[in-house]
PDB file of all heavy atoms in Angstrom:
ATOM      1  N   ILE A   1      10.667  -6.258   3.798  1.00  0.00           N
ATOM      2  CA  ILE A   1       9.602  -5.731   2.959  1.00  0.00           C
ATOM      3  C   ILE A   1       9.567  -4.218   3.143  1.00  0.00           C
ATOM      4  O   ILE A   1       9.624  -3.724   4.269  1.00  0.00           O
ATOM      5  CB  ILE A   1       8.244  -6.354   3.340  1.00  0.00           C
ATOM      6  CG1 ILE A   1       8.293  -7.872   3.161  1.00  0.00           C
ATOM      7  CG2 ILE A   1       7.129  -5.738   2.523  1.00  0.00           C
ATOM      8  CD1 ILE A   1       7.074  -8.592   3.694  1.00  0.00           C
ATOM      9  N   GLN A   2       9.469  -3.497   2.027  1.00  0.00           N
ATOM     10  CA  GLN A   2       9.425  -2.040   2.093  1.00  0.00           C
ATOM     11  C   GLN A   2       8.170  -1.508   1.426  1.00  0.00           C
ATOM     12  O   GLN A   2       7.814  -1.945   0.333  1.00  0.00           O
ATOM     13  CB  GLN A   2      10.619  -1.429   1.361  1.00  0.00           C
ATOM     14  CG  GLN A   2      11.940  -1.639   2.025  1.00  0.00           C
ATOM     15  CD  GLN A   2      13.036  -0.959   1.224  1.00  0.00           C
ATOM     16  OE1 GLN A   2      13.203  -1.242   0.045  1.00  0.00           O
ATOM     17  NE2 GLN A   2      13.770  -0.084   1.865  1.00  0.00           N
ATOM     18  N   ARG A   3       7.541  -0.558   2.095  1.00  0.00           N
ATOM     19  CA  ARG A   3       6.456   0.177   1.460  1.00  0.00           C
ATOM     20  C   ARG A   3       7.111   1.293   0.655  1.00  0.00           C
ATOM     21  O   ARG A   3       7.850   2.095   1.204  1.00  0.00           O
ATOM     22  CB  ARG A   3       5.519   0.767   2.507  1.00  0.00           C
ATOM     23  CG  ARG A   3       4.354   1.544   1.899  1.00  0.00           C
ATOM     24  CD  ARG A   3       3.455   2.197   2.946  1.00  0.00           C
ATOM     25  NE  ARG A   3       3.033   1.271   3.985  1.00  0.00           N
ATOM     26  CZ  ARG A   3       3.434   1.338   5.258  1.00  0.00           C
ATOM     27  NH1 ARG A   3       4.260   2.270   5.658  1.00  0.00           N
ATOM     28  NH2 ARG A   3       2.999   0.460   6.131  1.00  0.00           N
ATOM     29  N   ILE A   4       6.842   1.340  -0.649  1.00  0.00           N
ATOM     30  CA  ILE A   4       7.454   2.383  -1.471  1.00  0.00           C
ATOM     31  C   ILE A   4       6.452   3.460  -1.876  1.00  0.00           C
ATOM     32  O   ILE A   4       6.850   4.517  -2.345  1.00  0.00           O
ATOM     33  CB  ILE A   4       8.179   1.789  -2.702  1.00  0.00           C
ATOM     34  CG1 ILE A   4       7.267   0.905  -3.540  1.00  0.00           C
ATOM     35  CG2 ILE A   4       9.399   0.996  -2.243  1.00  0.00           C
ATOM     36  CD1 ILE A   4       7.916   0.341  -4.796  1.00  0.00           C
ATOM     37  N   ASN A   5       5.165   3.181  -1.660  1.00  0.00           N
ATOM     38  CA  ASN A   5       4.146   4.187  -1.948  1.00  0.00           C
ATOM     39  C   ASN A   5       2.847   3.792  -1.260  1.00  0.00           C
ATOM     40  O   ASN A   5       2.556   2.611  -1.108  1.00  0.00           O
ATOM     41  CB  ASN A   5       3.924   4.315  -3.459  1.00  0.00           C
ATOM     42  CG  ASN A   5       3.057   5.501  -3.810  1.00  0.00           C
ATOM     43  OD1 ASN A   5       3.128   6.549  -3.169  1.00  0.00           O
ATOM     44  ND2 ASN A   5       2.225   5.348  -4.815  1.00  0.00           N
ATOM     45  N   ARG A   6       2.083   4.802  -0.843  1.00  0.00           N
ATOM     46  CA  ARG A   6       0.761   4.568  -0.248  1.00  0.00           C
ATOM     47  C   ARG A   6      -0.187   5.590  -0.856  1.00  0.00           C
ATOM     48  O   ARG A   6       0.075   6.783  -0.827  1.00  0.00           O
ATOM     49  CB  ARG A   6       0.800   4.714   1.268  1.00  0.00           C
ATOM     50  CG  ARG A   6      -0.587   4.649   1.898  1.00  0.00           C
ATOM     51  CD  ARG A   6      -0.541   4.507   3.387  1.00  0.00           C
ATOM     52  NE  ARG A   6      -0.278   3.093   3.682  1.00  0.00           N
ATOM     53  CZ  ARG A   6       0.015   2.608   4.864  1.00  0.00           C
ATOM     54  NH1 ARG A   6       0.098   3.408   5.901  1.00  0.00           N
ATOM     55  NH2 ARG A   6       0.222   1.314   5.022  1.00  0.00           N
ATOM     56  N   THR A   7      -1.328   5.097  -1.382  1.00  0.00           N
ATOM     57  CA  THR A   7      -2.323   5.968  -1.995  1.00  0.00           C
ATOM     58  C   THR A   7      -3.661   5.763  -1.307  1.00  0.00           C
ATOM     59  O   THR A   7      -4.152   4.632  -1.223  1.00  0.00           O
ATOM     60  CB  THR A   7      -2.471   5.649  -3.507  1.00  0.00           C
ATOM     61  OG1 THR A   7      -1.194   5.738  -4.121  1.00  0.00           O
ATOM     62  CG2 THR A   7      -3.445   6.601  -4.168  1.00  0.00           C
ATOM     63  N   LEU A   8      -4.245   6.867  -0.814  1.00  0.00           N
ATOM     64  CA  LEU A   8      -5.556   6.808  -0.199  1.00  0.00           C
ATOM     65  C   LEU A   8      -6.601   6.550  -1.279  1.00  0.00           C
ATOM     66  O   LEU A   8      -6.696   7.289  -2.250  1.00  0.00           O
ATOM     67  CB  LEU A   8      -5.863   8.120   0.530  1.00  0.00           C
ATOM     68  CG  LEU A   8      -7.219   8.215   1.224  1.00  0.00           C
ATOM     69  CD1 LEU A   8      -7.340   7.192   2.356  1.00  0.00           C
ATOM     70  CD2 LEU A   8      -7.442   9.632   1.759  1.00  0.00           C
ATOM     71  N   LYS A   9      -7.399   5.503  -1.113  1.00  0.00           N
ATOM     72  CA  LYS A   9      -8.438   5.152  -2.079  1.00  0.00           C
ATOM     73  C   LYS A   9      -9.835   5.526  -1.592  1.00  0.00           C
ATOM     74  O   LYS A   9     -10.727   5.784  -2.378  1.00  0.00           O
ATOM     75  CB  LYS A   9      -8.405   3.643  -2.387  1.00  0.00           C
ATOM     76  CG  LYS A   9      -7.141   3.195  -3.071  1.00  0.00           C
ATOM     77  CD  LYS A   9      -7.040   3.811  -4.446  1.00  0.00           C
ATOM     78  CE  LYS A   9      -5.860   3.256  -5.207  1.00  0.00           C
ATOM     79  NZ  LYS A   9      -5.793   3.775  -6.557  1.00  0.00           N
ATOM     80  N   TYR A  10     -10.038   5.495  -0.260  1.00  0.00           N
ATOM     81  CA  TYR A  10     -11.349   5.803   0.304  1.00  0.00           C
ATOM     82  C   TYR A  10     -11.154   6.302   1.730  1.00  0.00           C
ATOM     83  O   TYR A  10     -10.390   5.713   2.501  1.00  0.00           O
ATOM     84  CB  TYR A  10     -12.238   4.560   0.323  1.00  0.00           C
ATOM     85  CG  TYR A  10     -13.526   4.748   1.081  1.00  0.00           C
ATOM     86  CD1 TYR A  10     -14.606   5.416   0.506  1.00  0.00           C
ATOM     87  CD2 TYR A  10     -13.660   4.292   2.385  1.00  0.00           C
ATOM     88  CE1 TYR A  10     -15.786   5.616   1.211  1.00  0.00           C
ATOM     89  CE2 TYR A  10     -14.833   4.484   3.100  1.00  0.00           C
ATOM     90  CZ  TYR A  10     -15.890   5.147   2.510  1.00  0.00           C
ATOM     91  OH  TYR A  10     -17.049   5.354   3.211  1.00  0.00           O
ATOM     92  N   GLN A  11     -11.859   7.372   2.083  1.00  0.00           N
ATOM     93  CA  GLN A  11     -11.836   7.872   3.450  1.00  0.00           C
ATOM     94  C   GLN A  11     -13.253   7.839   4.000  1.00  0.00           C
ATOM     95  O   GLN A  11     -14.150   8.500   3.466  1.00  0.00           O
ATOM     96  CB  GLN A  11     -11.280   9.291   3.511  1.00  0.00           C
ATOM     97  CG  GLN A  11     -11.064   9.777   4.911  1.00  0.00           C
ATOM     98  CD  GLN A  11     -10.264  11.074   4.946  1.00  0.00           C
ATOM     99  OE1 GLN A  11     -10.255  11.835   3.997  1.00  0.00           O
ATOM    100  NE2 GLN A  11      -9.579  11.294   6.050  1.00  0.00           N
ATOM    101  N   GLY A  12     -13.461   7.031   5.045  1.00  0.00           N
ATOM    102  CA  GLY A  12     -14.776   6.901   5.655  1.00  0.00           C
ATOM    103  C   GLY A  12     -14.816   7.548   7.017  1.00  0.00           C
ATOM    104  O   GLY A  12     -13.889   8.255   7.417  1.00  0.00           O
ATOM    105  N   ALA A  13     -15.881   7.287   7.740  1.00  0.00           N
ATOM    106  CA  ALA A  13     -16.061   7.875   9.068  1.00  0.00           C
ATOM    107  C   ALA A  13     -15.022   7.360  10.067  1.00  0.00           C
ATOM    108  O   ALA A  13     -14.506   8.117  10.879  1.00  0.00           O
ATOM    109  CB  ALA A  13     -17.469   7.584   9.577  1.00  0.00           C
ATOM    110  N   ILE A  14     -14.703   6.065  10.015  1.00  0.00           N
ATOM    111  CA  ILE A  14     -13.715   5.499  10.938  1.00  0.00           C
ATOM    112  C   ILE A  14     -12.598   4.736  10.240  1.00  0.00           C
ATOM    113  O   ILE A  14     -11.585   4.432  10.848  1.00  0.00           O
ATOM    114  CB  ILE A  14     -14.373   4.578  11.991  1.00  0.00           C
ATOM    115  CG1 ILE A  14     -15.130   3.443  11.325  1.00  0.00           C
ATOM    116  CG2 ILE A  14     -15.254   5.362  12.930  1.00  0.00           C
ATOM    117  CD1 ILE A  14     -15.598   2.364  12.279  1.00  0.00           C
ATOM    118  N   LEU A  15     -12.788   4.431   8.957  1.00  0.00           N
ATOM    119  CA  LEU A  15     -11.807   3.647   8.210  1.00  0.00           C
ATOM    120  C   LEU A  15     -11.281   4.424   7.020  1.00  0.00           C
ATOM    121  O   LEU A  15     -12.022   5.127   6.350  1.00  0.00           O
ATOM    122  CB  LEU A  15     -12.440   2.352   7.683  1.00  0.00           C
ATOM    123  CG  LEU A  15     -12.983   1.366   8.685  1.00  0.00           C
ATOM    124  CD1 LEU A  15     -13.673   0.216   7.966  1.00  0.00           C
ATOM    125  CD2 LEU A  15     -11.885   0.841   9.590  1.00  0.00           C
ATOM    126  N   ASP A  16      -9.988   4.256   6.757  1.00  0.00           N
ATOM    127  CA  ASP A  16      -9.368   4.737   5.523  1.00  0.00           C
ATOM    128  C   ASP A  16      -8.829   3.511   4.804  1.00  0.00           C
ATOM    129  O   ASP A  16      -8.234   2.623   5.430  1.00  0.00           O
ATOM    130  CB  ASP A  16      -8.211   5.695   5.812  1.00  0.00           C
ATOM    131  CG  ASP A  16      -8.672   6.989   6.448  1.00  0.00           C
ATOM    132  OD1 ASP A  16      -9.824   7.387   6.220  1.00  0.00           O
ATOM    133  OD2 ASP A  16      -7.863   7.602   7.178  1.00  0.00           O
ATOM    134  N   ILE A  17      -9.036   3.467   3.494  1.00  0.00           N
ATOM    135  CA  ILE A  17      -8.548   2.333   2.708  1.00  0.00           C
ATOM    136  C   ILE A  17      -7.476   2.836   1.749  1.00  0.00           C
ATOM    137  O   ILE A  17      -7.685   3.810   1.014  1.00  0.00           O
ATOM    138  CB  ILE A  17      -9.694   1.639   1.955  1.00  0.00           C
ATOM    139  CG1 ILE A  17     -10.739   1.150   2.963  1.00  0.00           C
ATOM    140  CG2 ILE A  17      -9.153   0.484   1.103  1.00  0.00           C
ATOM    141  CD1 ILE A  17     -11.986   0.575   2.358  1.00  0.00           C
ATOM    142  N   TYR A  18      -6.345   2.154   1.767  1.00  0.00           N
ATOM    143  CA  TYR A  18      -5.187   2.547   0.982  1.00  0.00           C
ATOM    144  C   TYR A  18      -4.766   1.428   0.038  1.00  0.00           C
ATOM    145  O   TYR A  18      -5.020   0.247   0.287  1.00  0.00           O
ATOM    146  CB  TYR A  18      -3.985   2.834   1.890  1.00  0.00           C
ATOM    147  CG  TYR A  18      -4.158   4.006   2.802  1.00  0.00           C
ATOM    148  CD1 TYR A  18      -4.725   3.851   4.066  1.00  0.00           C
ATOM    149  CD2 TYR A  18      -3.732   5.271   2.421  1.00  0.00           C
ATOM    150  CE1 TYR A  18      -4.875   4.928   4.922  1.00  0.00           C
ATOM    151  CE2 TYR A  18      -3.873   6.360   3.267  1.00  0.00           C
ATOM    152  CZ  TYR A  18      -4.444   6.180   4.518  1.00  0.00           C
ATOM    153  OH  TYR A  18      -4.588   7.245   5.362  1.00  0.00           O
ATOM    154  N   SER A  19      -4.057   1.808  -1.010  1.00  0.00           N
ATOM    155  CA  SER A  19      -3.342   0.876  -1.858  1.00  0.00           C
ATOM    156  C   SER A  19      -1.860   1.126  -1.612  1.00  0.00           C
ATOM    157  O   SER A  19      -1.371   2.241  -1.802  1.00  0.00           O
ATOM    158  CB  SER A  19      -3.690   1.111  -3.332  1.00  0.00           C
ATOM    159  OG  SER A  19      -2.928   0.241  -4.133  1.00  0.00           O
ATOM    160  N   ASP A  20      -1.175   0.102  -1.142  1.00  0.00           N
ATOM    161  CA  ASP A  20       0.260   0.203  -0.874  1.00  0.00           C
ATOM    162  C   ASP A  20       1.034  -0.500  -1.983  1.00  0.00           C
ATOM    163  O   ASP A  20       0.659  -1.593  -2.419  1.00  0.00           O
ATOM    164  CB  ASP A  20       0.612  -0.472   0.450  1.00  0.00           C
ATOM    165  CG  ASP A  20       0.218   0.336   1.665  1.00  0.00           C
ATOM    166  OD1 ASP A  20      -0.190   1.507   1.493  1.00  0.00           O
ATOM    167  OD2 ASP A  20       0.323  -0.204   2.785  1.00  0.00           O
ATOM    168  N   LYS A  21       2.086   0.115  -2.421  1.00  0.00           N
ATOM    169  CA  LYS A  21       3.020  -0.526  -3.353  1.00  0.00           C
ATOM    170  C   LYS A  21       4.181  -1.017  -2.500  1.00  0.00           C
ATOM    171  O   LYS A  21       4.836  -0.238  -1.816  1.00  0.00           O
ATOM    172  CB  LYS A  21       3.497   0.463  -4.411  1.00  0.00           C
ATOM    173  CG  LYS A  21       4.172  -0.246  -5.573  1.00  0.00           C
ATOM    174  CD  LYS A  21       4.209   0.586  -6.835  1.00  0.00           C
ATOM    175  CE  LYS A  21       2.890   0.798  -7.495  1.00  0.00           C
ATOM    176  NZ  LYS A  21       2.251  -0.340  -8.100  1.00  0.00           N
ATOM    177  N   MET A  22       4.412  -2.331  -2.531  1.00  0.00           N
ATOM    178  CA  MET A  22       5.386  -2.965  -1.648  1.00  0.00           C
ATOM    179  C   MET A  22       6.519  -3.607  -2.449  1.00  0.00           C
ATOM    180  O   MET A  22       6.269  -4.251  -3.469  1.00  0.00           O
ATOM    181  CB  MET A  22       4.695  -4.046  -0.805  1.00  0.00           C
ATOM    182  CG  MET A  22       3.456  -3.577  -0.051  1.00  0.00           C
ATOM    183  SD  MET A  22       3.745  -2.290   1.155  1.00  0.00           S
ATOM    184  CE  MET A  22       4.645  -3.206   2.381  1.00  0.00           C
ATOM    185  N   ARG A  23       7.746  -3.414  -1.963  1.00  0.00           N
ATOM    186  CA  ARG A  23       8.909  -4.112  -2.532  1.00  0.00           C
ATOM    187  C   ARG A  23       9.224  -5.275  -1.600  1.00  0.00           C
ATOM    188  O   ARG A  23       9.501  -5.090  -0.419  1.00  0.00           O
ATOM    189  CB  ARG A  23      10.118  -3.189  -2.640  1.00  0.00           C
ATOM    190  CG  ARG A  23      11.351  -3.950  -3.198  1.00  0.00           C
ATOM    191  CD  ARG A  23      12.577  -3.068  -3.385  1.00  0.00           C
ATOM    192  NE  ARG A  23      12.334  -2.197  -4.540  1.00  0.00           N
ATOM    193  CZ  ARG A  23      12.319  -0.868  -4.488  1.00  0.00           C
ATOM    194  NH1 ARG A  23      12.532  -0.243  -3.353  1.00  0.00           N
ATOM    195  NH2 ARG A  23      12.096  -0.150  -5.568  1.00  0.00           N
ATOM    196  N   LEU A  24       9.145  -6.487  -2.146  1.00  0.00           N
ATOM    197  CA  LEU A  24       9.406  -7.687  -1.359  1.00  0.00           C
ATOM    198  C   LEU A  24      10.902  -7.942  -1.275  1.00  0.00           C
ATOM    199  O   LEU A  24      11.702  -7.329  -1.989  1.00  0.00           O
ATOM    200  CB  LEU A  24       8.686  -8.885  -1.978  1.00  0.00           C
ATOM    201  CG  LEU A  24       7.172  -8.709  -2.180  1.00  0.00           C
ATOM    202  CD1 LEU A  24       6.553  -9.994  -2.694  1.00  0.00           C
ATOM    203  CD2 LEU A  24       6.489  -8.253  -0.911  1.00  0.00           C
ATOM    204  N   ASP A  25      11.291  -8.875  -0.426  1.00  0.00           N
ATOM    205  CA  ASP A  25      12.718  -9.129  -0.216  1.00  0.00           C
ATOM    206  C   ASP A  25      13.411  -9.667  -1.461  1.00  0.00           C
ATOM    207  O   ASP A  25      14.624  -9.547  -1.593  1.00  0.00           O
ATOM    208  CB  ASP A  25      12.951 -10.040   0.990  1.00  0.00           C
ATOM    209  CG  ASP A  25      12.277 -11.398   0.881  1.00  0.00           C
ATOM    210  OD1 ASP A  25      11.424 -11.581   0.000  1.00  0.00           O
ATOM    211  OD2 ASP A  25      12.609 -12.275   1.704  1.00  0.00           O
ATOM    212  N   ASP A  26      12.664 -10.213  -2.420  1.00  0.00           N
ATOM    213  CA  ASP A  26      13.278 -10.687  -3.664  1.00  0.00           C
ATOM    214  C   ASP A  26      13.356  -9.576  -4.725  1.00  0.00           C
ATOM    215  O   ASP A  26      13.763  -9.813  -5.859  1.00  0.00           O
ATOM    216  CB  ASP A  26      12.532 -11.899  -4.222  1.00  0.00           C
ATOM    217  CG  ASP A  26      11.122 -11.594  -4.701  1.00  0.00           C
ATOM    218  OD1 ASP A  26      10.689 -10.418  -4.605  1.00  0.00           O
ATOM    219  OD2 ASP A  26      10.442 -12.534  -5.154  1.00  0.00           O
ATOM    220  N   GLY A  27      12.932  -8.351  -4.361  1.00  0.00           N
ATOM    221  CA  GLY A  27      12.988  -7.218  -5.271  1.00  0.00           C
ATOM    222  C   GLY A  27      11.726  -7.000  -6.082  1.00  0.00           C
ATOM    223  O   GLY A  27      11.573  -5.954  -6.729  1.00  0.00           O
ATOM    224  N   SER A  28      10.802  -7.951  -6.071  1.00  0.00           N
ATOM    225  CA  SER A  28       9.564  -7.783  -6.840  1.00  0.00           C
ATOM    226  C   SER A  28       8.659  -6.746  -6.173  1.00  0.00           C
ATOM    227  O   SER A  28       8.769  -6.472  -4.985  1.00  0.00           O
ATOM    228  CB  SER A  28       8.835  -9.122  -6.995  1.00  0.00           C
ATOM    229  OG  SER A  28       8.431  -9.611  -5.732  1.00  0.00           O
ATOM    230  N   ILE A  29       7.770  -6.174  -6.962  1.00  0.00           N
ATOM    231  CA  ILE A  29       6.839  -5.153  -6.493  1.00  0.00           C
ATOM    232  C   ILE A  29       5.424  -5.723  -6.538  1.00  0.00           C
ATOM    233  O   ILE A  29       5.031  -6.355  -7.512  1.00  0.00           O
ATOM    234  CB  ILE A  29       6.905  -3.883  -7.382  1.00  0.00           C
ATOM    235  CG1 ILE A  29       8.330  -3.363  -7.489  1.00  0.00           C
ATOM    236  CG2 ILE A  29       5.938  -2.825  -6.880  1.00  0.00           C
ATOM    237  CD1 ILE A  29       8.902  -2.824  -6.209  1.00  0.00           C
ATOM    238  N   GLN A  30       4.672  -5.496  -5.473  1.00  0.00           N
ATOM    239  CA  GLN A  30       3.283  -5.945  -5.409  1.00  0.00           C
ATOM    240  C   GLN A  30       2.407  -4.822  -4.867  1.00  0.00           C
ATOM    241  O   GLN A  30       2.871  -3.984  -4.099  1.00  0.00           O
ATOM    242  CB  GLN A  30       3.125  -7.165  -4.491  1.00  0.00           C
ATOM    243  CG  GLN A  30       3.683  -8.439  -5.035  1.00  0.00           C
ATOM    244  CD  GLN A  30       3.357  -9.614  -4.120  1.00  0.00           C
ATOM    245  OE1 GLN A  30       2.780  -9.478  -3.043  1.00  0.00           O
ATOM    246  NE2 GLN A  30       3.741 -10.806  -4.565  1.00  0.00           N
ATOM    247  N   ASP A  31       1.128  -4.860  -5.235  1.00  0.00           N
ATOM    248  CA  ASP A  31       0.130  -3.954  -4.670  1.00  0.00           C
ATOM    249  C   ASP A  31      -0.586  -4.688  -3.547  1.00  0.00           C
ATOM    250  O   ASP A  31      -1.058  -5.811  -3.733  1.00  0.00           O
ATOM    251  CB  ASP A  31      -0.886  -3.525  -5.737  1.00  0.00           C
ATOM    252  CG  ASP A  31      -0.274  -2.619  -6.782  1.00  0.00           C
ATOM    253  OD1 ASP A  31       0.594  -1.796  -6.424  1.00  0.00           O
ATOM    254  OD2 ASP A  31      -0.657  -2.726  -7.965  1.00  0.00           O
ATOM    255  N   TRP A  32      -0.646  -4.051  -2.391  1.00  0.00           N
ATOM    256  CA  TRP A  32      -1.317  -4.606  -1.223  1.00  0.00           C
ATOM    257  C   TRP A  32      -2.392  -3.636  -0.774  1.00  0.00           C
ATOM    258  O   TRP A  32      -2.231  -2.415  -0.869  1.00  0.00           O
ATOM    259  CB  TRP A  32      -0.346  -4.816  -0.061  1.00  0.00           C
ATOM    260  CG  TRP A  32       0.657  -5.918  -0.234  1.00  0.00           C
ATOM    261  CD1 TRP A  32       0.919  -6.660  -1.350  1.00  0.00           C
ATOM    262  CD2 TRP A  32       1.559  -6.386   0.770  1.00  0.00           C
ATOM    263  NE1 TRP A  32       1.921  -7.570  -1.110  1.00  0.00           N
ATOM    264  CE2 TRP A  32       2.340  -7.417   0.198  1.00  0.00           C
ATOM    265  CE3 TRP A  32       1.788  -6.037   2.087  1.00  0.00           C
ATOM    266  CZ2 TRP A  32       3.313  -8.099   0.902  1.00  0.00           C
ATOM    267  CZ3 TRP A  32       2.768  -6.713   2.796  1.00  0.00           C
ATOM    268  CH2 TRP A  32       3.519  -7.741   2.202  1.00  0.00           C
TER     269      TRP A  32
END
């Protein structure tokens, strides 16, 4: 599994929330 992109969606006091675009082993792309 490869992360091909990471986008910061929210930055809090102790937590950051990201949207990762992932390439799975079958070549498909998913948002995690």
